[in-house]
Amino acid sequence: MDIEQVREYALTLPFATEDMPYGADWLIFRIGGKIFMHIWLEAPEPTCAIKLEPDFGMQLREHYDGVQPAYHLNKQHWNDIYLETIDDENVKEWIRRSYELVKSKLPKKILKTLR
């Protein structure tokens, strides 16, 4: 997948939003106001950073060269996915997993507004 395909996929997730709070070179994707994915548009290689359960993220890092601790984020929870080295279906699955993880942690008050 390329960056635009990742962006388009993320925006198909229910109630996902996109903004640029850090400037024009960062895309941020949220559910209920909470971030589930970062894309640095100026990265040397096409990547996205997603939030995963620490154990699952560690497993991916051990099995895939294209999954690394996120460069600018909490390395326990955030993982850089190098898009040119990971197949599209895995990228989509992991983005959805990040989205679902963040959604599961939203307060009930916020979740009610998403229905």
N, C-alpha and C. Protein backbone atom coordinates (compact mmCIF):
# COMPACT_ATOMS: atom_id res chain seq x y z
N MET A 1 0.84 -1.18 0.00
CA MET A 1 0.00 0.00 0.00
C MET A 1 0.89 1.24 0.00
N ASP A 2 0.38 2.27 -0.60
CA ASP A 2 1.07 3.54 -0.50
C ASP A 2 0.33 4.42 0.52
N ILE A 3 0.87 5.59 0.79
CA ILE A 3 0.31 6.48 1.81
C ILE A 3 -1.14 6.83 1.49
N GLU A 4 -1.44 7.12 0.26
CA GLU A 4 -2.81 7.51 -0.10
C GLU A 4 -3.77 6.34 0.11
N GLN A 5 -3.37 5.13 -0.19
CA GLN A 5 -4.22 3.97 0.04
C GLN A 5 -4.45 3.74 1.53
N VAL A 6 -3.43 3.94 2.33
CA VAL A 6 -3.56 3.82 3.79
C VAL A 6 -4.54 4.88 4.29
N ARG A 7 -4.37 6.09 3.83
CA ARG A 7 -5.26 7.19 4.21
C ARG A 7 -6.70 6.86 3.85
N GLU A 8 -6.92 6.44 2.60
CA GLU A 8 -8.28 6.12 2.16
C GLU A 8 -8.88 4.98 2.98
N TYR A 9 -8.08 3.96 3.28
CA TYR A 9 -8.58 2.85 4.09
C TYR A 9 -8.98 3.35 5.48
N ALA A 10 -8.12 4.12 6.12
CA ALA A 10 -8.41 4.61 7.48
C ALA A 10 -9.72 5.39 7.51
N LEU A 11 -9.97 6.15 6.47
CA LEU A 11 -11.19 6.96 6.44
C LEU A 11 -12.45 6.15 6.15
N THR A 12 -12.30 4.87 5.78
CA THR A 12 -13.48 4.01 5.62
C THR A 12 -13.95 3.46 6.96
N LEU A 13 -13.13 3.55 7.99
CA LEU A 13 -13.52 3.04 9.30
C LEU A 13 -14.57 3.98 9.91
N PRO A 14 -15.62 3.43 10.49
CA PRO A 14 -16.72 4.26 10.99
C PRO A 14 -16.26 5.34 11.96
N PHE A 15 -16.65 6.56 11.69
CA PHE A 15 -16.39 7.72 12.54
C PHE A 15 -14.92 8.10 12.62
N ALA A 16 -14.08 7.56 11.75
CA ALA A 16 -12.68 7.96 11.72
C ALA A 16 -12.57 9.37 11.15
N THR A 17 -11.71 10.17 11.74
CA THR A 17 -11.47 11.53 11.25
C THR A 17 -9.98 11.72 11.00
N GLU A 18 -9.69 12.74 10.22
CA GLU A 18 -8.31 13.05 9.85
C GLU A 18 -8.07 14.53 10.15
N ASP A 19 -6.90 14.84 10.68
CA ASP A 19 -6.53 16.24 10.84
C ASP A 19 -5.02 16.38 10.80
N MET A 20 -4.55 17.62 10.88
CA MET A 20 -3.12 17.91 10.77
C MET A 20 -2.68 18.82 11.92
N PRO A 21 -2.77 18.38 13.16
CA PRO A 21 -2.48 19.28 14.28
C PRO A 21 -1.01 19.64 14.44
N TYR A 22 -0.11 18.86 13.85
CA TYR A 22 1.33 19.10 14.02
C TYR A 22 1.93 19.85 12.84
N GLY A 23 1.12 20.21 11.87
CA GLY A 23 1.61 20.89 10.68
C GLY A 23 1.29 20.09 9.43
N ALA A 24 1.65 20.65 8.30
CA ALA A 24 1.26 20.09 7.00
C ALA A 24 1.96 18.78 6.65
N ASP A 25 2.97 18.37 7.41
CA ASP A 25 3.67 17.13 7.06
C ASP A 25 3.22 15.93 7.90
N TRP A 26 2.19 16.09 8.73
CA TRP A 26 1.66 14.99 9.54
C TRP A 26 0.16 14.85 9.32
N LEU A 27 -0.29 13.62 9.09
CA LEU A 27 -1.72 13.29 9.08
C LEU A 27 -2.00 12.48 10.34
N ILE A 28 -3.05 12.83 11.02
CA ILE A 28 -3.43 12.15 12.25
C ILE A 28 -4.85 11.61 12.07
N PHE A 29 -5.08 10.36 12.46
CA PHE A 29 -6.39 9.73 12.33
C PHE A 29 -6.90 9.40 13.72
N ARG A 30 -8.18 9.73 13.94
CA ARG A 30 -8.76 9.58 15.27
C ARG A 30 -10.11 8.88 15.22
N ILE A 31 -10.47 8.31 16.35
CA ILE A 31 -11.82 7.82 16.61
C ILE A 31 -12.22 8.43 17.95
N GLY A 32 -13.36 9.12 17.97
CA GLY A 32 -13.81 9.75 19.21
C GLY A 32 -12.81 10.72 19.80
N GLY A 33 -12.02 11.36 18.96
CA GLY A 33 -11.04 12.34 19.41
C GLY A 33 -9.69 11.74 19.82
N LYS A 34 -9.57 10.42 19.85
CA LYS A 34 -8.32 9.76 20.25
C LYS A 34 -7.59 9.22 19.03
N ILE A 35 -6.28 9.35 19.02
CA ILE A 35 -5.46 8.99 17.87
C ILE A 35 -5.27 7.48 17.78
N PHE A 36 -5.47 6.95 16.55
CA PHE A 36 -5.15 5.54 16.30
C PHE A 36 -4.08 5.37 15.23
N MET A 37 -3.74 6.44 14.49
CA MET A 37 -2.70 6.32 13.48
C MET A 37 -2.09 7.69 13.16
N HIS A 38 -0.77 7.68 12.96
CA HIS A 38 -0.01 8.86 12.51
C HIS A 38 0.62 8.51 11.17
N ILE A 39 0.67 9.49 10.28
CA ILE A 39 1.45 9.35 9.05
C ILE A 39 2.31 10.59 8.91
N TRP A 40 3.62 10.38 8.87
CA TRP A 40 4.55 11.48 8.62
C TRP A 40 4.80 11.51 7.13
N LEU A 41 4.32 12.54 6.48
CA LEU A 41 4.40 12.63 5.02
C LEU A 41 5.82 12.83 4.51
N GLU A 42 6.72 13.30 5.35
CA GLU A 42 8.11 13.55 4.95
C GLU A 42 9.05 12.40 5.32
N ALA A 43 8.51 11.28 5.76
CA ALA A 43 9.36 10.15 6.15
C ALA A 43 10.19 9.67 4.96
N PRO A 44 11.42 9.21 5.21
CA PRO A 44 12.28 8.71 4.12
C PRO A 44 11.67 7.51 3.40
N GLU A 45 10.91 6.70 4.13
CA GLU A 45 10.22 5.55 3.55
C GLU A 45 8.74 5.65 3.94
N PRO A 46 7.83 5.20 3.07
CA PRO A 46 6.41 5.28 3.43
C PRO A 46 6.11 4.42 4.66
N THR A 47 5.63 5.08 5.72
CA THR A 47 5.31 4.39 6.96
C THR A 47 4.04 4.97 7.56
N CYS A 48 3.45 4.21 8.45
CA CYS A 48 2.41 4.73 9.32
C CYS A 48 2.71 4.20 10.72
N ALA A 49 2.33 4.96 11.71
CA ALA A 49 2.51 4.54 13.11
C ALA A 49 1.13 4.21 13.67
N ILE A 50 1.01 3.01 14.23
CA ILE A 50 -0.26 2.58 14.79
C ILE A 50 -0.07 2.11 16.23
N LYS A 51 -1.15 2.23 16.99
CA LYS A 51 -1.13 1.81 18.39
C LYS A 51 -1.60 0.37 18.46
N LEU A 52 -0.83 -0.46 19.16
CA LEU A 52 -1.19 -1.87 19.33
C LEU A 52 -0.96 -2.28 20.78
N GLU A 53 -1.59 -3.38 21.17
CA GLU A 53 -1.32 -3.93 22.49
C GLU A 53 0.18 -4.24 22.55
N PRO A 54 0.84 -3.94 23.68
CA PRO A 54 2.30 -4.13 23.75
C PRO A 54 2.76 -5.54 23.36
N ASP A 55 2.09 -6.57 23.83
CA ASP A 55 2.51 -7.94 23.50
C ASP A 55 2.38 -8.23 22.02
N PHE A 56 1.28 -7.79 21.42
CA PHE A 56 1.06 -8.02 20.00
C PHE A 56 2.09 -7.24 19.17
N GLY A 57 2.33 -6.00 19.54
CA GLY A 57 3.33 -5.20 18.84
C GLY A 57 4.70 -5.85 18.90
N MET A 58 5.06 -6.39 20.05
CA MET A 58 6.36 -7.06 20.21
C MET A 58 6.43 -8.31 19.32
N GLN A 59 5.36 -9.06 19.25
CA GLN A 59 5.32 -10.24 18.37
C GLN A 59 5.54 -9.84 16.92
N LEU A 60 4.87 -8.77 16.49
CA LEU A 60 5.04 -8.32 15.10
C LEU A 60 6.48 -7.89 14.84
N ARG A 61 7.08 -7.18 15.78
CA ARG A 61 8.47 -6.73 15.62
C ARG A 61 9.42 -7.91 15.48
N GLU A 62 9.13 -8.99 16.20
CA GLU A 62 9.99 -10.17 16.15
C GLU A 62 9.83 -10.94 14.83
N HIS A 63 8.65 -10.85 14.21
CA HIS A 63 8.37 -11.64 13.01
C HIS A 63 8.51 -10.87 11.69
N TYR A 64 8.46 -9.54 11.74
CA TYR A 64 8.49 -8.74 10.52
C TYR A 64 9.55 -7.66 10.63
N ASP A 65 10.46 -7.62 9.67
CA ASP A 65 11.46 -6.54 9.63
C ASP A 65 10.79 -5.19 9.42
N GLY A 66 9.64 -5.19 8.78
CA GLY A 66 8.93 -3.96 8.45
C GLY A 66 8.06 -3.42 9.57
N VAL A 67 8.21 -3.95 10.77
CA VAL A 67 7.52 -3.41 11.95
C VAL A 67 8.58 -3.07 12.99
N GLN A 68 8.62 -1.80 13.36
CA GLN A 68 9.63 -1.31 14.29
C GLN A 68 8.97 -0.43 15.35
N PRO A 69 9.64 -0.22 16.49
CA PRO A 69 9.09 0.72 17.47
C PRO A 69 8.93 2.09 16.80
N ALA A 70 7.86 2.76 17.09
CA ALA A 70 7.60 4.07 16.47
C ALA A 70 8.68 5.07 16.87
N TYR A 71 9.15 5.82 15.91
CA TYR A 71 10.29 6.71 16.12
C TYR A 71 10.01 7.81 17.13
N HIS A 72 8.90 8.52 17.00
CA HIS A 72 8.64 9.69 17.85
C HIS A 72 7.58 9.44 18.92
N LEU A 73 7.18 8.20 19.13
CA LEU A 73 6.07 7.92 20.03
C LEU A 73 6.48 6.90 21.09
N ASN A 74 5.59 6.64 22.03
CA ASN A 74 5.84 5.65 23.08
C ASN A 74 6.08 4.29 22.42
N LYS A 75 7.27 3.79 22.54
CA LYS A 75 7.68 2.58 21.84
C LYS A 75 7.03 1.31 22.38
N GLN A 76 6.44 1.38 23.55
CA GLN A 76 5.73 0.23 24.08
C GLN A 76 4.40 0.03 23.36
N HIS A 77 3.76 1.11 22.98
CA HIS A 77 2.41 1.04 22.41
C HIS A 77 2.35 1.33 20.92
N TRP A 78 3.29 2.08 20.40
CA TRP A 78 3.22 2.55 19.02
C TRP A 78 4.27 1.85 18.17
N ASN A 79 3.86 1.50 16.95
CA ASN A 79 4.70 0.74 16.03
C ASN A 79 4.70 1.38 14.65
N ASP A 80 5.88 1.55 14.08
CA ASP A 80 5.99 2.01 12.69
C ASP A 80 5.85 0.81 11.77
N ILE A 81 4.97 0.95 10.79
CA ILE A 81 4.77 -0.08 9.78
C ILE A 81 5.36 0.45 8.48
N TYR A 82 6.38 -0.23 7.97
CA TYR A 82 7.02 0.16 6.72
C TYR A 82 6.23 -0.45 5.58
N LEU A 83 5.50 0.40 4.89
CA LEU A 83 4.46 -0.05 3.97
C LEU A 83 4.98 -0.84 2.77
N GLU A 84 6.19 -0.59 2.35
CA GLU A 84 6.72 -1.29 1.18
C GLU A 84 7.16 -2.72 1.50
N THR A 85 7.23 -3.07 2.79
CA THR A 85 7.71 -4.40 3.16
C THR A 85 6.62 -5.30 3.74
N ILE A 86 5.44 -4.76 3.98
CA ILE A 86 4.34 -5.52 4.59
C ILE A 86 3.20 -5.60 3.58
N ASP A 87 2.60 -6.79 3.46
CA ASP A 87 1.53 -6.93 2.48
C ASP A 87 0.28 -6.14 2.90
N ASP A 88 -0.50 -5.76 1.91
CA ASP A 88 -1.65 -4.88 2.10
C ASP A 88 -2.64 -5.41 3.13
N GLU A 89 -2.92 -6.68 3.10
CA GLU A 89 -3.92 -7.24 4.01
C GLU A 89 -3.46 -7.13 5.47
N ASN A 90 -2.18 -7.36 5.73
CA ASN A 90 -1.68 -7.18 7.09
C ASN A 90 -1.77 -5.72 7.52
N VAL A 91 -1.39 -4.82 6.63
CA VAL A 91 -1.47 -3.39 6.95
C VAL A 91 -2.91 -3.03 7.33
N LYS A 92 -3.87 -3.45 6.53
CA LYS A 92 -5.27 -3.15 6.83
C LYS A 92 -5.71 -3.77 8.14
N GLU A 93 -5.34 -5.01 8.36
CA GLU A 93 -5.71 -5.70 9.60
C GLU A 93 -5.16 -4.97 10.82
N TRP A 94 -3.91 -4.54 10.75
CA TRP A 94 -3.28 -3.89 11.89
C TRP A 94 -3.83 -2.49 12.12
N ILE A 95 -4.14 -1.76 11.04
CA ILE A 95 -4.78 -0.45 11.19
C ILE A 95 -6.13 -0.63 11.88
N ARG A 96 -6.91 -1.61 11.42
CA ARG A 96 -8.21 -1.85 12.05
C ARG A 96 -8.03 -2.24 13.52
N ARG A 97 -7.02 -3.03 13.79
CA ARG A 97 -6.77 -3.44 15.18
C ARG A 97 -6.45 -2.22 16.04
N SER A 98 -5.65 -1.30 15.51
CA SER A 98 -5.33 -0.07 16.23
C SER A 98 -6.60 0.74 16.48
N TYR A 99 -7.39 0.89 15.45
CA TYR A 99 -8.67 1.61 15.54
C TYR A 99 -9.55 0.99 16.62
N GLU A 100 -9.70 -0.33 16.60
CA GLU A 100 -10.56 -1.03 17.56
C GLU A 100 -10.00 -0.91 18.99
N LEU A 101 -8.69 -0.97 19.14
CA LEU A 101 -8.08 -0.81 20.45
C LEU A 101 -8.40 0.56 21.03
N VAL A 102 -8.18 1.58 20.24
CA VAL A 102 -8.44 2.94 20.72
C VAL A 102 -9.94 3.13 20.98
N LYS A 103 -10.77 2.63 20.10
CA LYS A 103 -12.22 2.74 20.29
C LYS A 103 -12.65 2.05 21.58
N SER A 104 -12.07 0.90 21.88
CA SER A 104 -12.45 0.15 23.08
C SER A 104 -12.12 0.89 24.37
N LYS A 105 -11.21 1.85 24.31
CA LYS A 105 -10.79 2.59 25.50
C LYS A 105 -11.56 3.91 25.66
N LEU A 106 -12.44 4.23 24.71
CA LEU A 106 -13.19 5.48 24.79
C LEU A 106 -14.21 5.42 25.92
N PRO A 107 -14.44 6.55 26.57
CA PRO A 107 -15.48 6.59 27.59
C PRO A 107 -16.87 6.29 26.99
N LYS A 108 -17.75 5.74 27.79
CA LYS A 108 -19.09 5.39 27.31
C LYS A 108 -19.82 6.60 26.76
N LYS A 109 -19.60 7.73 27.35
CA LYS A 109 -20.25 8.97 26.89
C LYS A 109 -19.87 9.27 25.43
N ILE A 110 -18.62 9.10 25.10
CA ILE A 110 -18.14 9.33 23.73
C ILE A 110 -18.68 8.24 22.80
N LEU A 111 -18.62 6.98 23.24
CA LEU A 111 -19.11 5.87 22.42
C LEU A 111 -20.57 6.06 22.02
N LYS A 112 -21.38 6.59 22.93
CA LYS A 112 -22.81 6.81 22.63
C LYS A 112 -22.99 7.79 21.48
N THR A 113 -22.08 8.75 21.35
CA THR A 113 -22.20 9.74 20.27
C THR A 113 -21.80 9.15 18.92
N LEU A 114 -21.17 8.01 18.93
CA LEU A 114 -20.69 7.39 17.68
C LEU A 114 -21.69 6.41 17.08
N ARG A 115 -22.86 6.30 17.68
CA ARG A 115 -23.85 5.34 17.18
C ARG A 115 -24.82 5.97 16.24
